[in-house]
N, C-alpha and C. Protein backbone atom coordinates (compact mmCIF):
# COMPACT_ATOMS: atom_id res chain seq x y z
N MET A 1 32.92 -18.66 -12.45
CA MET A 1 31.83 -17.96 -13.09
C MET A 1 30.96 -17.31 -12.00
N ASN A 2 30.72 -16.02 -12.13
CA ASN A 2 29.89 -15.29 -11.17
C ASN A 2 28.43 -15.33 -11.60
N LYS A 3 27.57 -15.64 -10.65
CA LYS A 3 26.14 -15.61 -10.93
C LYS A 3 25.59 -14.28 -10.47
N LYS A 4 24.91 -13.61 -11.35
CA LYS A 4 24.27 -12.35 -10.98
C LYS A 4 22.91 -12.62 -10.38
N ARG A 5 22.55 -11.81 -9.41
CA ARG A 5 21.22 -11.91 -8.82
C ARG A 5 20.21 -11.45 -9.87
N PRO A 6 19.11 -12.16 -10.01
CA PRO A 6 18.13 -11.74 -11.02
C PRO A 6 17.55 -10.37 -10.71
N HIS A 7 17.33 -9.61 -11.74
CA HIS A 7 16.76 -8.28 -11.60
C HIS A 7 15.25 -8.40 -11.38
N HIS A 8 14.77 -7.77 -10.32
CA HIS A 8 13.34 -7.75 -10.04
C HIS A 8 12.81 -6.35 -10.37
N LYS A 9 11.59 -6.28 -10.79
CA LYS A 9 11.06 -5.00 -11.24
C LYS A 9 10.71 -4.04 -10.12
N ASN A 10 10.65 -4.50 -8.89
CA ASN A 10 10.44 -3.66 -7.70
C ASN A 10 9.19 -2.80 -7.82
N ASP A 11 8.05 -3.44 -7.76
CA ASP A 11 6.78 -2.72 -7.83
C ASP A 11 6.55 -1.80 -6.63
N LEU A 12 7.18 -2.11 -5.50
CA LEU A 12 7.03 -1.24 -4.33
C LEU A 12 7.66 0.12 -4.60
N LYS A 13 8.80 0.11 -5.26
CA LYS A 13 9.45 1.37 -5.64
C LYS A 13 8.56 2.15 -6.61
N LYS A 14 7.93 1.45 -7.53
CA LYS A 14 7.00 2.10 -8.47
C LYS A 14 5.79 2.66 -7.73
N PHE A 15 5.31 1.92 -6.73
CA PHE A 15 4.18 2.38 -5.91
C PHE A 15 4.54 3.69 -5.22
N ILE A 16 5.74 3.76 -4.64
CA ILE A 16 6.19 4.97 -3.95
C ILE A 16 6.29 6.12 -4.93
N LYS A 17 6.86 5.87 -6.10
CA LYS A 17 6.99 6.92 -7.10
C LYS A 17 5.63 7.40 -7.59
N LYS A 18 4.71 6.48 -7.80
CA LYS A 18 3.37 6.84 -8.28
C LYS A 18 2.63 7.72 -7.27
N HIS A 19 2.71 7.36 -6.00
CA HIS A 19 1.91 8.05 -4.99
C HIS A 19 2.61 9.25 -4.34
N PHE A 20 3.93 9.28 -4.37
CA PHE A 20 4.65 10.38 -3.72
C PHE A 20 5.53 11.18 -4.68
N GLY A 21 5.83 10.64 -5.84
CA GLY A 21 6.70 11.34 -6.79
C GLY A 21 8.13 10.83 -6.75
N SER A 22 8.64 10.61 -5.53
CA SER A 22 10.00 10.08 -5.36
C SER A 22 10.15 9.54 -3.94
N SER A 23 11.23 8.83 -3.72
CA SER A 23 11.51 8.32 -2.38
C SER A 23 11.75 9.46 -1.40
N VAL A 24 12.42 10.50 -1.87
CA VAL A 24 12.69 11.67 -1.01
C VAL A 24 11.39 12.37 -0.63
N ASP A 25 10.49 12.54 -1.59
CA ASP A 25 9.19 13.15 -1.30
C ASP A 25 8.38 12.28 -0.35
N CYS A 26 8.48 10.97 -0.49
CA CYS A 26 7.79 10.05 0.41
C CYS A 26 8.34 10.23 1.83
N ALA A 27 9.65 10.30 1.95
CA ALA A 27 10.28 10.48 3.26
C ALA A 27 9.81 11.78 3.91
N LYS A 28 9.76 12.84 3.13
CA LYS A 28 9.30 14.13 3.68
C LYS A 28 7.85 14.05 4.12
N ALA A 29 7.01 13.44 3.31
CA ALA A 29 5.57 13.36 3.62
C ALA A 29 5.32 12.54 4.89
N LEU A 30 6.15 11.52 5.11
CA LEU A 30 5.95 10.64 6.26
C LEU A 30 6.87 11.01 7.44
N ASN A 31 7.67 12.05 7.24
CA ASN A 31 8.58 12.54 8.29
C ASN A 31 9.56 11.46 8.74
N VAL A 32 10.17 10.80 7.74
CA VAL A 32 11.20 9.80 8.00
C VAL A 32 12.44 10.15 7.18
N ASN A 33 13.53 9.50 7.48
CA ASN A 33 14.76 9.68 6.75
C ASN A 33 14.65 9.02 5.37
N PRO A 34 15.20 9.61 4.31
CA PRO A 34 15.16 8.96 3.00
C PRO A 34 15.76 7.55 3.00
N GLN A 35 16.73 7.31 3.87
CA GLN A 35 17.32 5.97 3.97
C GLN A 35 16.27 4.95 4.40
N THR A 36 15.33 5.37 5.23
CA THR A 36 14.25 4.49 5.68
C THR A 36 13.41 4.03 4.50
N VAL A 37 13.05 4.96 3.63
CA VAL A 37 12.25 4.62 2.44
C VAL A 37 13.06 3.71 1.52
N TYR A 38 14.33 4.00 1.35
CA TYR A 38 15.20 3.16 0.54
C TYR A 38 15.22 1.73 1.10
N ASN A 39 15.30 1.60 2.41
CA ASN A 39 15.32 0.28 3.04
C ASN A 39 14.02 -0.48 2.79
N TRP A 40 12.91 0.23 2.71
CA TRP A 40 11.63 -0.44 2.45
C TRP A 40 11.65 -1.20 1.13
N HIS A 41 12.23 -0.60 0.11
CA HIS A 41 12.19 -1.30 -1.18
C HIS A 41 13.44 -2.11 -1.48
N THR A 42 14.44 -2.09 -0.59
CA THR A 42 15.62 -2.92 -0.83
C THR A 42 15.77 -4.08 0.15
N SER A 43 15.25 -3.92 1.39
CA SER A 43 15.51 -4.99 2.36
C SER A 43 14.41 -5.20 3.40
N ASN A 44 13.58 -4.20 3.68
CA ASN A 44 12.60 -4.32 4.76
C ASN A 44 11.24 -3.74 4.37
N PRO A 45 10.55 -4.36 3.41
CA PRO A 45 9.28 -3.79 2.98
C PRO A 45 8.23 -3.70 4.09
N ARG A 46 8.24 -4.63 5.03
CA ARG A 46 7.23 -4.60 6.09
C ARG A 46 7.35 -3.37 6.98
N GLY A 47 8.52 -2.76 7.01
CA GLY A 47 8.69 -1.54 7.79
C GLY A 47 7.75 -0.44 7.34
N MET A 48 7.35 -0.49 6.09
CA MET A 48 6.44 0.51 5.53
C MET A 48 5.06 0.43 6.18
N LEU A 49 4.68 -0.76 6.64
CA LEU A 49 3.34 -0.93 7.21
C LEU A 49 3.16 -0.15 8.51
N LYS A 50 4.25 0.22 9.16
CA LYS A 50 4.17 1.06 10.36
C LYS A 50 3.49 2.39 10.02
N PHE A 51 3.63 2.81 8.77
CA PHE A 51 3.09 4.09 8.32
C PHE A 51 1.83 3.93 7.47
N ALA A 52 1.23 2.75 7.52
CA ALA A 52 0.04 2.47 6.71
C ALA A 52 -1.07 3.49 6.90
N PRO A 53 -1.42 3.89 8.14
CA PRO A 53 -2.50 4.88 8.28
C PRO A 53 -2.20 6.19 7.55
N GLU A 54 -0.97 6.67 7.67
CA GLU A 54 -0.59 7.91 7.00
C GLU A 54 -0.60 7.75 5.49
N ILE A 55 -0.07 6.62 5.00
CA ILE A 55 -0.02 6.38 3.55
C ILE A 55 -1.42 6.31 2.97
N VAL A 56 -2.30 5.58 3.63
CA VAL A 56 -3.68 5.46 3.15
C VAL A 56 -4.36 6.83 3.13
N ASN A 57 -4.12 7.65 4.15
CA ASN A 57 -4.73 8.98 4.22
C ASN A 57 -4.14 9.95 3.20
N LEU A 58 -2.86 9.83 2.90
CA LEU A 58 -2.20 10.76 1.98
C LEU A 58 -2.39 10.38 0.51
N CYS A 59 -2.56 9.10 0.24
CA CYS A 59 -2.58 8.60 -1.14
C CYS A 59 -3.95 8.04 -1.48
N ASN A 60 -4.19 7.95 -2.74
CA ASN A 60 -5.43 7.33 -3.21
C ASN A 60 -5.22 5.82 -3.27
N THR A 61 -5.18 5.20 -2.09
CA THR A 61 -4.93 3.75 -2.00
C THR A 61 -5.69 3.18 -0.81
N THR A 62 -5.68 1.87 -0.72
CA THR A 62 -6.35 1.19 0.39
C THR A 62 -5.32 0.41 1.21
N TRP A 63 -5.72 0.02 2.41
CA TRP A 63 -4.85 -0.83 3.24
C TRP A 63 -4.53 -2.12 2.51
N THR A 64 -5.53 -2.69 1.84
CA THR A 64 -5.34 -3.96 1.14
C THR A 64 -4.33 -3.83 0.02
N GLN A 65 -4.43 -2.76 -0.76
CA GLN A 65 -3.50 -2.55 -1.86
C GLN A 65 -2.08 -2.35 -1.33
N LEU A 66 -1.94 -1.55 -0.28
CA LEU A 66 -0.63 -1.31 0.31
C LEU A 66 -0.02 -2.60 0.83
N ALA A 67 -0.80 -3.37 1.59
CA ALA A 67 -0.30 -4.63 2.13
C ALA A 67 0.09 -5.59 1.01
N GLY A 68 -0.69 -5.62 -0.06
CA GLY A 68 -0.36 -6.47 -1.20
C GLY A 68 0.97 -6.09 -1.83
N GLU A 69 1.21 -4.80 -1.99
CA GLU A 69 2.49 -4.34 -2.55
C GLU A 69 3.66 -4.74 -1.65
N VAL A 70 3.47 -4.57 -0.36
CA VAL A 70 4.53 -4.90 0.61
C VAL A 70 4.82 -6.40 0.58
N LEU A 71 3.78 -7.22 0.63
CA LEU A 71 3.99 -8.67 0.63
C LEU A 71 4.59 -9.17 -0.68
N HIS A 72 4.18 -8.56 -1.78
CA HIS A 72 4.75 -8.94 -3.08
C HIS A 72 6.25 -8.63 -3.11
N ARG A 73 6.63 -7.46 -2.60
CA ARG A 73 8.06 -7.09 -2.58
C ARG A 73 8.85 -8.01 -1.66
N GLU A 74 8.26 -8.35 -0.54
CA GLU A 74 8.93 -9.26 0.38
C GLU A 74 9.19 -10.61 -0.29
N GLU A 75 8.20 -11.08 -1.03
CA GLU A 75 8.36 -12.35 -1.75
C GLU A 75 9.47 -12.24 -2.80
N GLU A 76 9.53 -11.12 -3.50
CA GLU A 76 10.61 -10.91 -4.50
C GLU A 76 11.98 -10.98 -3.83
N LEU A 77 12.10 -10.33 -2.68
CA LEU A 77 13.39 -10.31 -1.99
C LEU A 77 13.80 -11.66 -1.45
N ASN A 78 12.83 -12.49 -1.12
CA ASN A 78 13.13 -13.80 -0.54
C ASN A 78 13.34 -14.89 -1.57
N ASN A 79 13.10 -14.60 -2.84
CA ASN A 79 13.31 -15.61 -3.89
C ASN A 79 14.59 -15.38 -4.64
């Protein structure tokens, strides 16, 4: 019997979509490869914090909100 990994709602991906429109638009705005943005919401959410100053300046968000989204996603991936 195969066990499927539980589906997580991925709020970090929703955060990116809300503030940038899409992962590709986020990558363009931050001058990174789209694969980098994909990695943030699939395996390395903390990598996004490297761009926290740019994200806070470009989006209507705070450092605290961004860090909370990143830490929440990290917890989802580790459970």
